[in-house]
Amino acid sequence: MPGIWETNMTFSQRSRSLFKTLAVVLALALPTALTISSADARAGGGFSSGSRGSRTYTAPPSTTTAPGSTSQFNRTYTQPGPGMNSAAAAPARGGLFGRGGGFLGGLAAGFLGAGLLGMLFGGGLFGGLGGLSSILGLIIQIALVVLVVRLAMSWWQRRHAPRTAYANAEAGAGPGPQPNQRSALGGLGGGLGSGLGGFGFGGNANNAPLEIKPDDYEAFERLLGDVQTAWSNEDVAKLHTVATPEMVSYFEQDLAQNRARNVVNKVTDVKLLQGDLAEAWREGETDYATVALRFALIDKTVDRNTGAVVAGSEQPGEATEVWTFARRPGTGWELSAIQQTN
């Protein structure tokens, strides 16, 4: 009989060692999983990349299409300098449920991490993992946290959902009718040319205001599709005609990573659903326009050899991003920056 007891004790010690190891791994992994969103595969890779001139480190104004904040740039050639908002150069905070995790995301991550680490020291979430009840307790507690977070996120999204199907050309526009203001889902091609509508004026004392006309909005909508198409076709030459050299360099980096993984990202059926102007200004000889875009698309990543879908879906989805376009004398608009929304 002593042999049986010794066998059981050895098995129990091994089980506890295994559970403790898993607890440490989960404690380190869960906060990361909760606070870092998986990058989207479309053009830009779900990052905030590019430059907005002297406003690179200043967050663009919120709009009806993108009522929340925007993420600070993960990738930019522009360095902070005099006249720039140095406070904004710090890493972006995620807000309540931002891409950086936010308050509740961090709270949930810390709660789970602390609970799992507690198992390492014998306390556990429900008195350790010595029995089946403790394992069930862990599962129930994680499920409750996920449920609460999802309910809170749903409430937050409903609270900030746009109330109208169209947006003003400028959130701070004065009272009175705005020229050409129509629904973003109808008229003038059913897109930015009408949804943004009117004439937008942006800027401050250091930048000259810029008038944005309907033809400009149509160019922004066209570039939305052209950029995604060139990205999907891995057509770097075409990307050079629709984006700044800085943005093309980021696209090339992302495409190289896809080739190393032997996959290709395909973005199709891009359709603008809603858009509005955040700000527009002129710096020297360069014009800038920052617009919020909510668009539908099919975003999938496939294996280069077999064509099998390895990420994304064949089903249409939606994305909301803030794009900045730049225009220099003698040239048309080109993509200068993409920022993710929180």
C-alpha atoms as a PDB file:
ATOM      1  CA  MET A   1       0.000   0.000   0.000  1.00  0.00           C
ATOM      2  CA  PRO A   2       2.799   2.537   0.594  1.00  0.00           C
ATOM      3  CA  GLY A   3       3.635   2.194  -3.073  1.00  0.00           C
ATOM      4  CA  ILE A   4       0.117   3.350  -4.024  1.00  0.00           C
ATOM      5  CA  TRP A   5       0.369   6.371  -1.745  1.00  0.00           C
ATOM      6  CA  GLU A   6       3.759   7.248  -3.159  1.00  0.00           C
ATOM      7  CA  THR A   7       2.405   6.997  -6.728  1.00  0.00           C
ATOM      8  CA  ASN A   8      -0.574   9.234  -5.922  1.00  0.00           C
ATOM      9  CA  MET A   9       1.614  11.779  -4.182  1.00  0.00           C
ATOM     10  CA  THR A  10       3.997  11.872  -7.135  1.00  0.00           C
ATOM     11  CA  PHE A  11       1.090  12.355  -9.560  1.00  0.00           C
ATOM     12  CA  SER A  12      -0.371  15.082  -7.376  1.00  0.00           C
ATOM     13  CA  GLN A  13       2.937  16.943  -7.220  1.00  0.00           C
ATOM     14  CA  ARG A  14       3.382  16.697 -10.965  1.00  0.00           C
ATOM     15  CA  SER A  15      -0.177  17.955 -11.533  1.00  0.00           C
ATOM     16  CA  ARG A  16       0.380  20.926  -9.250  1.00  0.00           C
ATOM     17  CA  SER A  17       3.646  21.723 -10.997  1.00  0.00           C
ATOM     18  CA  LEU A  18       1.912  21.585 -14.370  1.00  0.00           C
ATOM     19  CA  PHE A  19      -0.944  23.828 -13.226  1.00  0.00           C
ATOM     20  CA  LYS A  20       1.485  26.329 -11.728  1.00  0.00           C
ATOM     21  CA  THR A  21       3.402  26.504 -14.981  1.00  0.00           C
ATOM     22  CA  LEU A  22       0.188  27.064 -16.914  1.00  0.00           C
ATOM     23  CA  ALA A  23      -0.852  29.732 -14.431  1.00  0.00           C
ATOM     24  CA  VAL A  24       2.356  31.678 -14.992  1.00  0.00           C
ATOM     25  CA  VAL A  25       2.004  31.440 -18.782  1.00  0.00           C
ATOM     26  CA  LEU A  26      -1.644  32.541 -18.717  1.00  0.00           C
ATOM     27  CA  ALA A  27      -0.928  35.332 -16.264  1.00  0.00           C
ATOM     28  CA  LEU A  28       1.610  36.763 -18.677  1.00  0.00           C
ATOM     29  CA  ALA A  29      -0.391  36.124 -21.831  1.00  0.00           C
ATOM     30  CA  LEU A  30      -3.892  37.201 -20.826  1.00  0.00           C
ATOM     31  CA  PRO A  31      -3.123  40.872 -20.150  1.00  0.00           C
ATOM     32  CA  THR A  32      -1.439  41.068 -23.522  1.00  0.00           C
ATOM     33  CA  ALA A  33      -4.366  39.385 -25.231  1.00  0.00           C
ATOM     34  CA  LEU A  34      -6.855  41.725 -23.637  1.00  0.00           C
ATOM     35  CA  THR A  35      -4.963  44.957 -24.134  1.00  0.00           C
ATOM     36  CA  ILE A  36      -3.523  44.496 -27.619  1.00  0.00           C
ATOM     37  CA  SER A  37      -5.923  44.171 -30.532  1.00  0.00           C
ATOM     38  CA  SER A  38      -4.967  41.876 -33.354  1.00  0.00           C
ATOM     39  CA  ALA A  39      -3.823  43.859 -36.368  1.00  0.00           C
ATOM     40  CA  ASP A  40      -6.145  43.988 -39.364  1.00  0.00           C
ATOM     41  CA  ALA A  41      -4.715  42.735 -42.618  1.00  0.00           C
ATOM     42  CA  ARG A  42      -5.993  45.486 -44.927  1.00  0.00           C
ATOM     43  CA  ALA A  43      -3.747  48.261 -46.249  1.00  0.00           C
ATOM     44  CA  GLY A  44      -1.961  49.784 -43.297  1.00  0.00           C
ATOM     45  CA  GLY A  45      -2.018  46.560 -41.303  1.00  0.00           C
ATOM     46  CA  GLY A  46      -4.253  48.042 -38.605  1.00  0.00           C
ATOM     47  CA  PHE A  47      -1.450  50.406 -37.537  1.00  0.00           C
ATOM     48  CA  SER A  48      -1.417  54.189 -37.367  1.00  0.00           C
ATOM     49  CA  SER A  49       1.198  55.177 -39.910  1.00  0.00           C
ATOM     50  CA  GLY A  50       2.337  58.232 -41.832  1.00  0.00           C
ATOM     51  CA  SER A  51       2.582  61.958 -41.270  1.00  0.00           C
ATOM     52  CA  ARG A  52       0.237  64.939 -40.986  1.00  0.00           C
ATOM     53  CA  GLY A  53       2.789  67.688 -41.370  1.00  0.00           C
ATOM     54  CA  SER A  54       3.108  69.874 -38.293  1.00  0.00           C
ATOM     55  CA  ARG A  55      -0.019  68.201 -36.873  1.00  0.00           C
ATOM     56  CA  THR A  56       1.474  64.725 -36.790  1.00  0.00           C
ATOM     57  CA  TYR A  57       1.580  64.772 -32.998  1.00  0.00           C
ATOM     58  CA  THR A  58      -1.777  66.544 -32.624  1.00  0.00           C
ATOM     59  CA  ALA A  59      -4.891  64.381 -32.615  1.00  0.00           C
ATOM     60  CA  PRO A  60      -7.393  65.314 -35.335  1.00  0.00           C
ATOM     61  CA  PRO A  61     -10.793  66.558 -34.150  1.00  0.00           C
ATOM     62  CA  SER A  62     -13.470  63.940 -33.583  1.00  0.00           C
ATOM     63  CA  THR A  63     -16.281  63.701 -36.103  1.00  0.00           C
ATOM     64  CA  THR A  64     -19.690  62.108 -36.441  1.00  0.00           C
ATOM     65  CA  THR A  65     -18.141  59.192 -38.322  1.00  0.00           C
ATOM     66  CA  ALA A  66     -15.310  58.780 -35.793  1.00  0.00           C
ATOM     67  CA  PRO A  67     -16.642  60.249 -32.507  1.00  0.00           C
ATOM     68  CA  GLY A  68     -13.897  58.727 -30.381  1.00  0.00           C
ATOM     69  CA  SER A  69     -10.194  59.451 -30.305  1.00  0.00           C
ATOM     70  CA  THR A  70      -7.534  58.339 -32.781  1.00  0.00           C
ATOM     71  CA  SER A  71      -4.409  56.372 -31.997  1.00  0.00           C
ATOM     72  CA  GLN A  72      -1.051  58.087 -32.044  1.00  0.00           C
ATOM     73  CA  PHE A  73       1.238  57.082 -34.869  1.00  0.00           C
ATOM     74  CA  ASN A  74       3.034  53.765 -34.489  1.00  0.00           C
ATOM     75  CA  ARG A  75       5.146  54.556 -37.536  1.00  0.00           C
ATOM     76  CA  THR A  76       6.107  58.030 -38.740  1.00  0.00           C
ATOM     77  CA  TYR A  77       9.113  59.781 -40.242  1.00  0.00           C
ATOM     78  CA  THR A  78       8.139  63.088 -38.637  1.00  0.00           C
ATOM     79  CA  GLN A  79      10.070  63.965 -35.506  1.00  0.00           C
ATOM     80  CA  PRO A  80       8.660  66.207 -32.750  1.00  0.00           C
ATOM     81  CA  GLY A  81       9.848  69.767 -33.098  1.00  0.00           C
ATOM     82  CA  PRO A  82       9.024  73.377 -32.239  1.00  0.00           C
ATOM     83  CA  GLY A  83       5.380  74.244 -32.782  1.00  0.00           C
ATOM     84  CA  MET A  84       4.217  70.664 -32.388  1.00  0.00           C
ATOM     85  CA  ASN A  85       2.108  69.381 -29.539  1.00  0.00           C
ATOM     86  CA  SER A  86       4.832  67.641 -27.529  1.00  0.00           C
ATOM     87  CA  ALA A  87       2.302  66.351 -24.993  1.00  0.00           C
ATOM     88  CA  ALA A  88       0.627  64.396 -27.751  1.00  0.00           C
ATOM     89  CA  ALA A  89       3.901  62.706 -28.615  1.00  0.00           C
ATOM     90  CA  ALA A  90       3.437  60.402 -25.626  1.00  0.00           C
ATOM     91  CA  PRO A  91       1.901  57.001 -26.361  1.00  0.00           C
ATOM     92  CA  ALA A  92      -1.832  57.196 -26.866  1.00  0.00           C
ATOM     93  CA  ARG A  93      -4.081  56.187 -24.029  1.00  0.00           C
ATOM     94  CA  GLY A  94      -6.783  53.782 -24.969  1.00  0.00           C
ATOM     95  CA  GLY A  95      -9.722  55.437 -23.248  1.00  0.00           C
ATOM     96  CA  LEU A  96     -12.318  53.173 -21.715  1.00  0.00           C
ATOM     97  CA  PHE A  97     -12.013  50.468 -24.354  1.00  0.00           C
ATOM     98  CA  GLY A  98      -9.327  51.840 -26.667  1.00  0.00           C
ATOM     99  CA  ARG A  99      -6.913  49.837 -28.762  1.00  0.00           C
ATOM    100  CA  GLY A 100      -4.445  50.207 -25.934  1.00  0.00           C
ATOM    101  CA  GLY A 101      -6.815  48.379 -23.618  1.00  0.00           C
ATOM    102  CA  GLY A 102      -8.286  51.297 -21.743  1.00  0.00           C
ATOM    103  CA  PHE A 103      -9.373  51.353 -18.127  1.00  0.00           C
ATOM    104  CA  LEU A 104     -11.690  48.342 -18.059  1.00  0.00           C
ATOM    105  CA  GLY A 105      -9.450  46.301 -20.354  1.00  0.00           C
ATOM    106  CA  GLY A 106      -6.501  46.892 -18.044  1.00  0.00           C
ATOM    107  CA  LEU A 107      -8.644  46.202 -14.997  1.00  0.00           C
ATOM    108  CA  ALA A 108      -9.829  42.884 -16.379  1.00  0.00           C
ATOM    109  CA  ALA A 109      -6.322  41.934 -17.494  1.00  0.00           C
ATOM    110  CA  GLY A 110      -4.856  42.782 -14.099  1.00  0.00           C
ATOM    111  CA  PHE A 111      -7.639  40.936 -12.304  1.00  0.00           C
ATOM    112  CA  LEU A 112      -7.120  37.744 -14.278  1.00  0.00           C
ATOM    113  CA  GLY A 113      -3.358  38.038 -14.134  1.00  0.00           C
ATOM    114  CA  ALA A 114      -3.384  38.541 -10.380  1.00  0.00           C
ATOM    115  CA  GLY A 115      -5.775  35.654  -9.874  1.00  0.00           C
ATOM    116  CA  LEU A 116      -3.715  33.267 -11.964  1.00  0.00           C
ATOM    117  CA  LEU A 117      -0.488  34.276 -10.304  1.00  0.00           C
ATOM    118  CA  GLY A 118      -2.208  33.665  -6.982  1.00  0.00           C
ATOM    119  CA  MET A 119      -2.402  29.988  -7.876  1.00  0.00           C
ATOM    120  CA  LEU A 120       1.370  29.885  -8.031  1.00  0.00           C
ATOM    121  CA  PHE A 121       1.570  30.751  -4.364  1.00  0.00           C
ATOM    122  CA  GLY A 122      -1.085  28.325  -3.182  1.00  0.00           C
ATOM    123  CA  GLY A 123      -4.022  30.743  -2.841  1.00  0.00           C
ATOM    124  CA  GLY A 124      -5.545  30.271  -6.250  1.00  0.00           C
ATOM    125  CA  LEU A 125      -8.665  31.906  -7.583  1.00  0.00           C
ATOM    126  CA  PHE A 126     -10.946  29.659  -5.532  1.00  0.00           C
ATOM    127  CA  GLY A 127      -8.527  28.051  -3.092  1.00  0.00           C
ATOM    128  CA  GLY A 128      -6.126  26.595  -5.653  1.00  0.00           C
ATOM    129  CA  LEU A 129      -6.507  24.047  -8.379  1.00  0.00           C
ATOM    130  CA  GLY A 130      -6.459  21.046  -6.111  1.00  0.00           C
ATOM    131  CA  GLY A 131      -9.899  19.864  -7.169  1.00  0.00           C
ATOM    132  CA  LEU A 132     -12.471  20.000  -9.941  1.00  0.00           C
ATOM    133  CA  SER A 133     -14.431  22.743  -8.203  1.00  0.00           C
ATOM    134  CA  SER A 134     -11.441  25.075  -8.401  1.00  0.00           C
ATOM    135  CA  ILE A 135     -11.039  24.449 -12.124  1.00  0.00           C
ATOM    136  CA  LEU A 136     -14.735  25.148 -12.681  1.00  0.00           C
ATOM    137  CA  GLY A 137     -14.402  28.253 -10.552  1.00  0.00           C
ATOM    138  CA  LEU A 138     -11.597  29.532 -12.757  1.00  0.00           C
ATOM    139  CA  ILE A 139     -13.650  28.936 -15.905  1.00  0.00           C
ATOM    140  CA  ILE A 140     -16.740  30.595 -14.439  1.00  0.00           C
ATOM    141  CA  GLN A 141     -14.788  33.614 -13.260  1.00  0.00           C
ATOM    142  CA  ILE A 142     -13.163  34.120 -16.665  1.00  0.00           C
ATOM    143  CA  ALA A 143     -16.567  33.746 -18.361  1.00  0.00           C
ATOM    144  CA  LEU A 144     -18.101  36.346 -16.029  1.00  0.00           C
ATOM    145  CA  VAL A 145     -15.310  38.828 -16.719  1.00  0.00           C
ATOM    146  CA  VAL A 146     -15.682  38.350 -20.488  1.00  0.00           C
ATOM    147  CA  LEU A 147     -19.468  38.781 -20.225  1.00  0.00           C
ATOM    148  CA  VAL A 148     -19.184  41.986 -18.216  1.00  0.00           C
ATOM    149  CA  VAL A 149     -16.591  43.432 -20.585  1.00  0.00           C
ATOM    150  CA  ARG A 150     -18.721  42.624 -23.636  1.00  0.00           C
ATOM    151  CA  LEU A 151     -21.836  44.173 -22.107  1.00  0.00           C
ATOM    152  CA  ALA A 152     -19.919  47.316 -21.208  1.00  0.00           C
ATOM    153  CA  MET A 153     -18.405  47.543 -24.697  1.00  0.00           C
ATOM    154  CA  SER A 154     -21.840  47.145 -26.277  1.00  0.00           C
ATOM    155  CA  TRP A 155     -23.218  49.937 -24.098  1.00  0.00           C
ATOM    156  CA  TRP A 156     -20.275  52.174 -24.944  1.00  0.00           C
ATOM    157  CA  GLN A 157     -20.685  51.612 -28.687  1.00  0.00           C
ATOM    158  CA  ARG A 158     -24.429  52.320 -28.566  1.00  0.00           C
ATOM    159  CA  ARG A 159     -23.783  55.512 -26.654  1.00  0.00           C
ATOM    160  CA  HIS A 160     -21.343  56.776 -29.274  1.00  0.00           C
ATOM    161  CA  ALA A 161     -23.079  55.473 -32.397  1.00  0.00           C
ATOM    162  CA  PRO A 162     -23.780  58.153 -35.032  1.00  0.00           C
ATOM    163  CA  ARG A 163     -27.387  59.328 -34.893  1.00  0.00           C
ATOM    164  CA  THR A 164     -27.655  60.319 -38.519  1.00  0.00           C
ATOM    165  CA  ALA A 165     -26.757  58.778 -41.839  1.00  0.00           C
ATOM    166  CA  TYR A 166     -24.788  61.832 -42.860  1.00  0.00           C
ATOM    167  CA  ALA A 167     -22.111  64.045 -41.377  1.00  0.00           C
ATOM    168  CA  ASN A 168     -21.288  67.731 -41.627  1.00  0.00           C
ATOM    169  CA  ALA A 169     -18.175  68.731 -43.487  1.00  0.00           C
ATOM    170  CA  GLU A 170     -16.873  70.221 -40.275  1.00  0.00           C
ATOM    171  CA  ALA A 171     -17.963  69.469 -36.741  1.00  0.00           C
ATOM    172  CA  GLY A 172     -17.413  73.051 -35.730  1.00  0.00           C
ATOM    173  CA  ALA A 173     -19.277  74.617 -38.643  1.00  0.00           C
ATOM    174  CA  GLY A 174     -21.486  77.498 -37.766  1.00  0.00           C
ATOM    175  CA  PRO A 175     -25.285  77.411 -37.833  1.00  0.00           C
ATOM    176  CA  GLY A 176     -27.126  77.535 -41.090  1.00  0.00           C
ATOM    177  CA  PRO A 177     -27.406  75.272 -44.126  1.00  0.00           C
ATOM    178  CA  GLN A 178     -24.240  73.576 -45.357  1.00  0.00           C
ATOM    179  CA  PRO A 179     -23.821  73.430 -49.153  1.00  0.00           C
ATOM    180  CA  ASN A 180     -24.209  70.014 -50.772  1.00  0.00           C
ATOM    181  CA  GLN A 181     -24.878  68.261 -47.465  1.00  0.00           C
ATOM    182  CA  ARG A 182     -26.504  64.903 -48.220  1.00  0.00           C
ATOM    183  CA  SER A 183     -26.613  61.398 -46.917  1.00  0.00           C
ATOM    184  CA  ALA A 184     -23.404  59.417 -47.223  1.00  0.00           C
ATOM    185  CA  LEU A 185     -25.518  56.562 -48.570  1.00  0.00           C
ATOM    186  CA  GLY A 186     -27.159  58.404 -51.419  1.00  0.00           C
ATOM    187  CA  GLY A 187     -26.604  61.076 -54.032  1.00  0.00           C
ATOM    188  CA  LEU A 188     -23.395  61.984 -55.849  1.00  0.00           C
ATOM    189  CA  GLY A 189     -22.292  58.386 -56.086  1.00  0.00           C
ATOM    190  CA  GLY A 190     -23.479  57.526 -52.593  1.00  0.00           C
ATOM    191  CA  GLY A 191     -20.126  58.303 -51.031  1.00  0.00           C
ATOM    192  CA  LEU A 192     -17.700  60.931 -49.865  1.00  0.00           C
ATOM    193  CA  GLY A 193     -18.591  63.396 -52.595  1.00  0.00           C
ATOM    194  CA  SER A 194     -21.968  63.799 -50.896  1.00  0.00           C
ATOM    195  CA  GLY A 195     -21.494  62.366 -47.433  1.00  0.00           C
ATOM    196  CA  LEU A 196     -18.741  64.783 -46.522  1.00  0.00           C
ATOM    197  CA  GLY A 197     -20.603  67.496 -48.370  1.00  0.00           C
ATOM    198  CA  GLY A 198     -20.114  71.218 -48.449  1.00  0.00           C
ATOM    199  CA  PHE A 199     -16.978  73.229 -47.941  1.00  0.00           C
ATOM    200  CA  GLY A 200     -14.641  72.445 -45.103  1.00  0.00           C
ATOM    201  CA  PHE A 201     -12.347  74.924 -43.455  1.00  0.00           C
ATOM    202  CA  GLY A 202      -9.704  73.852 -40.990  1.00  0.00           C
ATOM    203  CA  GLY A 203      -6.548  75.221 -39.470  1.00  0.00           C
ATOM    204  CA  ASN A 204      -5.405  77.628 -36.834  1.00  0.00           C
ATOM    205  CA  ALA A 205      -3.391  80.805 -36.623  1.00  0.00           C
ATOM    206  CA  ASN A 206      -0.261  78.992 -37.821  1.00  0.00           C
ATOM    207  CA  ASN A 207      -1.861  77.316 -40.847  1.00  0.00           C
ATOM    208  CA  ALA A 208      -3.865  78.831 -43.661  1.00  0.00           C
ATOM    209  CA  PRO A 209      -7.442  77.528 -43.922  1.00  0.00           C
ATOM    210  CA  LEU A 210      -8.146  75.337 -46.906  1.00  0.00           C
ATOM    211  CA  GLU A 211     -11.329  75.083 -48.925  1.00  0.00           C
ATOM    212  CA  ILE A 212     -12.354  71.500 -49.704  1.00  0.00           C
ATOM    213  CA  LYS A 213     -14.628  71.161 -52.701  1.00  0.00           C
ATOM    214  CA  PRO A 214     -16.872  68.320 -53.918  1.00  0.00           C
ATOM    215  CA  ASP A 215     -14.218  67.253 -56.442  1.00  0.00           C
ATOM    216  CA  ASP A 216     -11.783  66.780 -53.579  1.00  0.00           C
ATOM    217  CA  TYR A 217     -14.208  64.542 -51.717  1.00  0.00           C
ATOM    218  CA  GLU A 218     -14.674  62.429 -54.818  1.00  0.00           C
ATOM    219  CA  ALA A 219     -10.894  62.099 -55.048  1.00  0.00           C
ATOM    220  CA  PHE A 220     -10.722  60.920 -51.414  1.00  0.00           C
ATOM    221  CA  GLU A 221     -13.352  58.257 -52.045  1.00  0.00           C
ATOM    222  CA  ARG A 222     -11.597  57.089 -55.189  1.00  0.00           C
ATOM    223  CA  LEU A 223      -8.264  56.864 -53.372  1.00  0.00           C
ATOM    224  CA  LEU A 224      -9.859  54.709 -50.677  1.00  0.00           C
ATOM    225  CA  GLY A 225     -10.588  52.068 -53.296  1.00  0.00           C
ATOM    226  CA  ASP A 226      -7.413  52.564 -55.323  1.00  0.00           C
ATOM    227  CA  VAL A 227      -5.140  52.134 -52.314  1.00  0.00           C
ATOM    228  CA  GLN A 228      -6.862  48.940 -51.195  1.00  0.00           C
ATOM    229  CA  THR A 229      -6.815  47.521 -54.731  1.00  0.00           C
ATOM    230  CA  ALA A 230      -3.122  48.279 -55.259  1.00  0.00           C
ATOM    231  CA  TRP A 231      -2.366  46.775 -51.854  1.00  0.00           C
ATOM    232  CA  SER A 232      -4.284  43.587 -52.657  1.00  0.00           C
ATOM    233  CA  ASN A 233      -2.494  43.259 -56.005  1.00  0.00           C
ATOM    234  CA  GLU A 234       0.865  43.969 -54.338  1.00  0.00           C
ATOM    235  CA  ASP A 235       1.316  46.623 -57.003  1.00  0.00           C
ATOM    236  CA  VAL A 236       4.026  48.844 -55.537  1.00  0.00           C
ATOM    237  CA  ALA A 237       4.256  50.936 -58.721  1.00  0.00           C
ATOM    238  CA  LYS A 238       0.559  51.805 -58.395  1.00  0.00           C
ATOM    239  CA  LEU A 239       0.968  52.539 -54.684  1.00  0.00           C
ATOM    240  CA  HIS A 240       3.588  55.152 -55.597  1.00  0.00           C
ATOM    241  CA  THR A 241       0.912  56.994 -57.601  1.00  0.00           C
ATOM    242  CA  VAL A 242      -1.678  57.095 -54.811  1.00  0.00           C
ATOM    243  CA  ALA A 243       0.404  57.468 -51.632  1.00  0.00           C
ATOM    244  CA  THR A 244       3.400  59.387 -50.349  1.00  0.00           C
ATOM    245  CA  PRO A 245       6.841  57.721 -50.420  1.00  0.00           C
ATOM    246  CA  GLU A 246       6.626  57.345 -46.637  1.00  0.00           C
ATOM    247  CA  MET A 247       3.348  55.428 -46.798  1.00  0.00           C
ATOM    248  CA  VAL A 248       4.652  53.273 -49.670  1.00  0.00           C
ATOM    249  CA  SER A 249       7.647  52.329 -47.531  1.00  0.00           C
ATOM    250  CA  TYR A 250       5.298  51.041 -44.826  1.00  0.00           C
ATOM    251  CA  PHE A 251       3.224  49.148 -47.373  1.00  0.00           C
ATOM    252  CA  GLU A 252       6.392  47.528 -48.728  1.00  0.00           C
ATOM    253  CA  GLN A 253       7.402  46.436 -45.218  1.00  0.00           C
ATOM    254  CA  ASP A 254       4.000  44.845 -44.647  1.00  0.00           C
ATOM    255  CA  LEU A 255       4.006  43.163 -48.052  1.00  0.00           C
ATOM    256  CA  ALA A 256       7.470  41.741 -47.360  1.00  0.00           C
ATOM    257  CA  GLN A 257       6.192  40.269 -44.093  1.00  0.00           C
ATOM    258  CA  ASN A 258       3.293  38.661 -45.966  1.00  0.00           C
ATOM    259  CA  ARG A 259       5.668  37.146 -48.506  1.00  0.00           C
ATOM    260  CA  ALA A 260       7.823  35.774 -45.706  1.00  0.00           C
ATOM    261  CA  ARG A 261       4.705  34.087 -44.292  1.00  0.00           C
ATOM    262  CA  ASN A 262       3.760  32.870 -47.803  1.00  0.00           C
ATOM    263  CA  VAL A 263       0.394  34.628 -47.649  1.00  0.00           C
ATOM    264  CA  VAL A 264      -1.297  37.438 -49.531  1.00  0.00           C
ATOM    265  CA  ASN A 265      -3.973  39.796 -48.226  1.00  0.00           C
ATOM    266  CA  LYS A 266      -6.987  40.381 -50.471  1.00  0.00           C
ATOM    267  CA  VAL A 267      -9.280  43.332 -49.845  1.00  0.00           C
ATOM    268  CA  THR A 268     -12.300  43.496 -52.130  1.00  0.00           C
ATOM    269  CA  ASP A 269     -15.755  45.081 -52.398  1.00  0.00           C
ATOM    270  CA  VAL A 270     -14.611  48.307 -50.746  1.00  0.00           C
ATOM    271  CA  LYS A 271     -17.543  50.695 -50.393  1.00  0.00           C
ATOM    272  CA  LEU A 272     -17.660  53.955 -48.492  1.00  0.00           C
ATOM    273  CA  LEU A 273     -20.591  54.031 -46.068  1.00  0.00           C
ATOM    274  CA  GLN A 274     -20.003  57.336 -44.308  1.00  0.00           C
ATOM    275  CA  GLY A 275     -17.358  60.015 -44.157  1.00  0.00           C
ATOM    276  CA  ASP A 276     -16.750  63.518 -42.889  1.00  0.00           C
ATOM    277  CA  LEU A 277     -14.008  66.106 -42.774  1.00  0.00           C
ATOM    278  CA  ALA A 278     -12.025  66.469 -39.559  1.00  0.00           C
ATOM    279  CA  GLU A 279      -9.793  69.354 -40.657  1.00  0.00           C
ATOM    280  CA  ALA A 280      -8.101  70.835 -43.698  1.00  0.00           C
ATOM    281  CA  TRP A 281      -5.183  73.250 -43.834  1.00  0.00           C
ATOM    282  CA  ARG A 282      -2.214  74.436 -45.863  1.00  0.00           C
ATOM    283  CA  GLU A 283       1.436  74.366 -44.824  1.00  0.00           C
ATOM    284  CA  GLY A 284       3.682  76.204 -47.198  1.00  0.00           C
ATOM    285  CA  GLU A 285       2.902  74.727 -50.600  1.00  0.00           C
ATOM    286  CA  THR A 286       1.339  71.523 -49.288  1.00  0.00           C
ATOM    287  CA  ASP A 287      -2.391  71.056 -48.698  1.00  0.00           C
ATOM    288  CA  TYR A 288      -3.633  68.608 -46.082  1.00  0.00           C
ATOM    289  CA  ALA A 289      -7.080  67.148 -45.478  1.00  0.00           C
ATOM    290  CA  THR A 290      -7.925  64.685 -42.711  1.00  0.00           C
ATOM    291  CA  VAL A 291     -11.169  62.760 -43.115  1.00  0.00           C
ATOM    292  CA  ALA A 292     -12.904  60.027 -41.138  1.00  0.00           C
ATOM    293  CA  LEU A 293     -14.017  57.067 -43.251  1.00  0.00           C
ATOM    294  CA  ARG A 294     -16.380  54.233 -42.397  1.00  0.00           C
ATOM    295  CA  PHE A 295     -16.347  51.656 -45.162  1.00  0.00           C
ATOM    296  CA  ALA A 296     -17.425  48.117 -45.939  1.00  0.00           C
ATOM    297  CA  LEU A 297     -14.981  45.553 -47.276  1.00  0.00           C
ATOM    298  CA  ILE A 298     -14.129  41.878 -47.544  1.00  0.00           C
ATOM    299  CA  ASP A 299     -10.764  41.401 -45.850  1.00  0.00           C
ATOM    300  CA  LYS A 300      -9.102  37.994 -46.038  1.00  0.00           C
ATOM    301  CA  THR A 301      -5.602  36.564 -46.063  1.00  0.00           C
ATOM    302  CA  VAL A 302      -4.966  33.501 -48.215  1.00  0.00           C
ATOM    303  CA  ASP A 303      -2.153  31.023 -48.676  1.00  0.00           C
ATOM    304  CA  ARG A 304      -0.137  31.865 -51.786  1.00  0.00           C
ATOM    305  CA  ASN A 305       0.069  28.255 -52.917  1.00  0.00           C
ATOM    306  CA  THR A 306      -3.337  26.814 -52.122  1.00  0.00           C
ATOM    307  CA  GLY A 307      -5.527  29.913 -51.963  1.00  0.00           C
ATOM    308  CA  ALA A 308      -6.989  28.693 -48.682  1.00  0.00           C
ATOM    309  CA  VAL A 309      -8.201  31.418 -46.322  1.00  0.00           C
ATOM    310  CA  VAL A 310      -5.874  31.553 -43.304  1.00  0.00           C
ATOM    311  CA  ALA A 311      -7.212  34.748 -41.733  1.00  0.00           C
ATOM    312  CA  GLY A 312     -10.147  37.059 -42.177  1.00  0.00           C
ATOM    313  CA  SER A 313     -13.383  36.027 -43.815  1.00  0.00           C
ATOM    314  CA  GLU A 314     -15.295  35.876 -47.067  1.00  0.00           C
ATOM    315  CA  GLN A 315     -18.079  37.785 -45.323  1.00  0.00           C
ATOM    316  CA  PRO A 316     -18.260  41.594 -45.598  1.00  0.00           C
ATOM    317  CA  GLY A 317     -17.116  43.600 -42.614  1.00  0.00           C
ATOM    318  CA  GLU A 318     -16.753  47.250 -41.661  1.00  0.00           C
ATOM    319  CA  ALA A 319     -13.845  49.448 -40.656  1.00  0.00           C
ATOM    320  CA  THR A 320     -13.545  53.030 -39.456  1.00  0.00           C
ATOM    321  CA  GLU A 321     -10.256  54.832 -39.973  1.00  0.00           C
ATOM    322  CA  VAL A 322      -8.999  58.399 -40.221  1.00  0.00           C
ATOM    323  CA  TRP A 323      -7.080  59.095 -43.421  1.00  0.00           C
ATOM    324  CA  THR A 324      -4.983  62.178 -44.162  1.00  0.00           C
ATOM    325  CA  PHE A 325      -4.381  63.217 -47.755  1.00  0.00           C
ATOM    326  CA  ALA A 326      -1.687  65.583 -49.008  1.00  0.00           C
ATOM    327  CA  ARG A 327      -1.494  67.596 -52.219  1.00  0.00           C
ATOM    328  CA  ARG A 328       1.470  69.509 -53.601  1.00  0.00           C
ATOM    329  CA  PRO A 329       1.531  71.983 -56.482  1.00  0.00           C
ATOM    330  CA  GLY A 330       0.990  70.308 -59.826  1.00  0.00           C
ATOM    331  CA  THR A 331      -0.049  66.970 -58.294  1.00  0.00           C
ATOM    332  CA  GLY A 332      -3.252  65.358 -57.115  1.00  0.00           C
ATOM    333  CA  TRP A 333      -4.195  64.159 -53.661  1.00  0.00           C
ATOM    334  CA  GLU A 334      -2.273  61.199 -52.257  1.00  0.00           C
ATOM    335  CA  LEU A 335      -2.532  59.225 -49.048  1.00  0.00           C
ATOM    336  CA  SER A 336      -0.253  60.664 -46.366  1.00  0.00           C
ATOM    337  CA  ALA A 337      -1.415  58.882 -43.204  1.00  0.00           C
ATOM    338  CA  ILE A 338      -3.808  56.277 -41.797  1.00  0.00           C
ATOM    339  CA  GLN A 339      -4.872  56.394 -38.163  1.00  0.00           C
ATOM    340  CA  GLN A 340      -6.895  53.837 -36.268  1.00  0.00           C
ATOM    341  CA  THR A 341      -9.876  54.903 -34.176  1.00  0.00           C
ATOM    342  CA  ASN A 342     -10.432  54.062 -30.517  1.00  0.00           C
END
